[in-house]
């Protein structure tokens, strides 16, 4: 367990899980072609994954997110 803490393994695993969750819910490719529109597309996608007043869809809550943390 010490090597996991020292190397940052646990944090990387959580980030990889979040990216996988994002891809599963939103998709794995951006549809917009310009950088400004891609930025907006990502912002909308991320906002749609944040919990809203307890209405978080089952099965996509981040394992490191506290219940009721509000995002």
C-alpha atoms as a PDB file:
ATOM      1  CA  UNK A   1       0.000   0.000   0.000  1.00  0.00           C
ATOM      2  CA  UNK A   2       2.916   2.321   0.656  1.00  0.00           C
ATOM      3  CA  UNK A   3       4.119   2.156  -2.946  1.00  0.00           C
ATOM      4  CA  UNK A   4       0.644   3.160  -4.123  1.00  0.00           C
ATOM      5  CA  UNK A   5       0.714   6.263  -1.961  1.00  0.00           C
ATOM      6  CA  UNK A   6       4.292   7.103  -2.909  1.00  0.00           C
ATOM      7  CA  UNK A   7       3.718   6.730  -6.651  1.00  0.00           C
ATOM      8  CA  UNK A   8       0.300   8.390  -6.798  1.00  0.00           C
ATOM      9  CA  UNK A   9      -1.250   5.171  -8.107  1.00  0.00           C
ATOM     10  CA  UNK A  10      -4.534   5.609  -6.254  1.00  0.00           C
ATOM     11  CA  UNK A  11      -5.062   9.113  -7.621  1.00  0.00           C
ATOM     12  CA  UNK A  12      -4.306   7.994 -11.182  1.00  0.00           C
ATOM     13  CA  UNK A  13      -6.732   5.089 -10.832  1.00  0.00           C
ATOM     14  CA  UNK A  14      -9.489   7.471  -9.689  1.00  0.00           C
ATOM     15  CA  UNK A  15      -8.796   9.847 -12.577  1.00  0.00           C
ATOM     16  CA  UNK A  16      -8.831   6.983 -15.084  1.00  0.00           C
ATOM     17  CA  UNK A  17     -12.157   5.803 -13.657  1.00  0.00           C
ATOM     18  CA  UNK A  18     -13.584   9.327 -14.012  1.00  0.00           C
ATOM     19  CA  UNK A  19     -12.394   9.557 -17.629  1.00  0.00           C
ATOM     20  CA  UNK A  20     -13.940   6.172 -18.378  1.00  0.00           C
ATOM     21  CA  UNK A  21     -17.201   7.336 -16.796  1.00  0.00           C
ATOM     22  CA  UNK A  22     -17.123  10.520 -18.887  1.00  0.00           C
ATOM     23  CA  UNK A  23     -16.564   8.530 -22.080  1.00  0.00           C
ATOM     24  CA  UNK A  24     -19.329   6.079 -21.226  1.00  0.00           C
ATOM     25  CA  UNK A  25     -21.882   8.829 -20.566  1.00  0.00           C
ATOM     26  CA  UNK A  26     -20.813  11.518 -23.057  1.00  0.00           C
ATOM     27  CA  UNK A  27     -18.841   9.641 -25.708  1.00  0.00           C
ATOM     28  CA  UNK A  28     -15.175   9.325 -26.571  1.00  0.00           C
ATOM     29  CA  UNK A  29     -14.904  11.953 -29.310  1.00  0.00           C
ATOM     30  CA  UNK A  30     -15.628  15.634 -29.636  1.00  0.00           C
ATOM     31  CA  UNK A  31     -18.075  16.539 -32.371  1.00  0.00           C
ATOM     32  CA  UNK A  32     -17.065  20.187 -32.764  1.00  0.00           C
ATOM     33  CA  UNK A  33     -14.180  21.157 -35.035  1.00  0.00           C
ATOM     34  CA  UNK A  34     -13.082  24.552 -33.713  1.00  0.00           C
ATOM     35  CA  UNK A  35     -11.213  24.957 -30.433  1.00  0.00           C
ATOM     36  CA  UNK A  36     -13.718  27.393 -28.958  1.00  0.00           C
ATOM     37  CA  UNK A  37     -16.644  25.119 -29.672  1.00  0.00           C
ATOM     38  CA  UNK A  38     -14.740  22.099 -28.329  1.00  0.00           C
ATOM     39  CA  UNK A  39     -14.141  24.013 -25.102  1.00  0.00           C
ATOM     40  CA  UNK A  40     -17.854  24.737 -24.831  1.00  0.00           C
ATOM     41  CA  UNK A  41     -18.739  21.122 -25.639  1.00  0.00           C
ATOM     42  CA  UNK A  42     -16.458  19.824 -22.879  1.00  0.00           C
ATOM     43  CA  UNK A  43     -17.779  22.390 -20.380  1.00  0.00           C
ATOM     44  CA  UNK A  44     -21.376  21.351 -21.080  1.00  0.00           C
ATOM     45  CA  UNK A  45     -20.478  17.658 -20.821  1.00  0.00           C
ATOM     46  CA  UNK A  46     -18.657  18.113 -17.500  1.00  0.00           C
ATOM     47  CA  UNK A  47     -21.500  20.219 -16.104  1.00  0.00           C
ATOM     48  CA  UNK A  48     -23.954  17.489 -17.050  1.00  0.00           C
ATOM     49  CA  UNK A  49     -21.970  14.967 -14.975  1.00  0.00           C
ATOM     50  CA  UNK A  50     -22.013  17.062 -11.789  1.00  0.00           C
ATOM     51  CA  UNK A  51     -24.596  16.124  -9.164  1.00  0.00           C
ATOM     52  CA  UNK A  52     -27.633  18.394  -9.061  1.00  0.00           C
ATOM     53  CA  UNK A  53     -29.617  18.376  -5.794  1.00  0.00           C
ATOM     54  CA  UNK A  54     -29.422  14.615  -5.346  1.00  0.00           C
ATOM     55  CA  UNK A  55     -30.473  13.846  -8.929  1.00  0.00           C
ATOM     56  CA  UNK A  56     -27.222  12.034  -9.775  1.00  0.00           C
ATOM     57  CA  UNK A  57     -27.934   9.035 -12.046  1.00  0.00           C
ATOM     58  CA  UNK A  58     -27.207   5.685 -10.413  1.00  0.00           C
ATOM     59  CA  UNK A  59     -23.976   4.000 -11.406  1.00  0.00           C
ATOM     60  CA  UNK A  60     -21.963   7.052 -12.465  1.00  0.00           C
ATOM     61  CA  UNK A  61     -21.043   8.628  -9.117  1.00  0.00           C
ATOM     62  CA  UNK A  62     -17.325   8.976  -8.663  1.00  0.00           C
ATOM     63  CA  UNK A  63     -16.113   6.531  -5.988  1.00  0.00           C
ATOM     64  CA  UNK A  64     -14.088   9.270  -4.259  1.00  0.00           C
ATOM     65  CA  UNK A  65     -16.941  11.792  -4.193  1.00  0.00           C
ATOM     66  CA  UNK A  66     -18.643  12.228  -0.835  1.00  0.00           C
ATOM     67  CA  UNK A  67     -22.425  11.942  -0.849  1.00  0.00           C
ATOM     68  CA  UNK A  68     -23.922  15.414  -0.717  1.00  0.00           C
ATOM     69  CA  UNK A  69     -20.612  17.088  -1.603  1.00  0.00           C
ATOM     70  CA  UNK A  70     -22.326  19.074  -4.351  1.00  0.00           C
ATOM     71  CA  UNK A  71     -19.691  18.537  -6.995  1.00  0.00           C
END
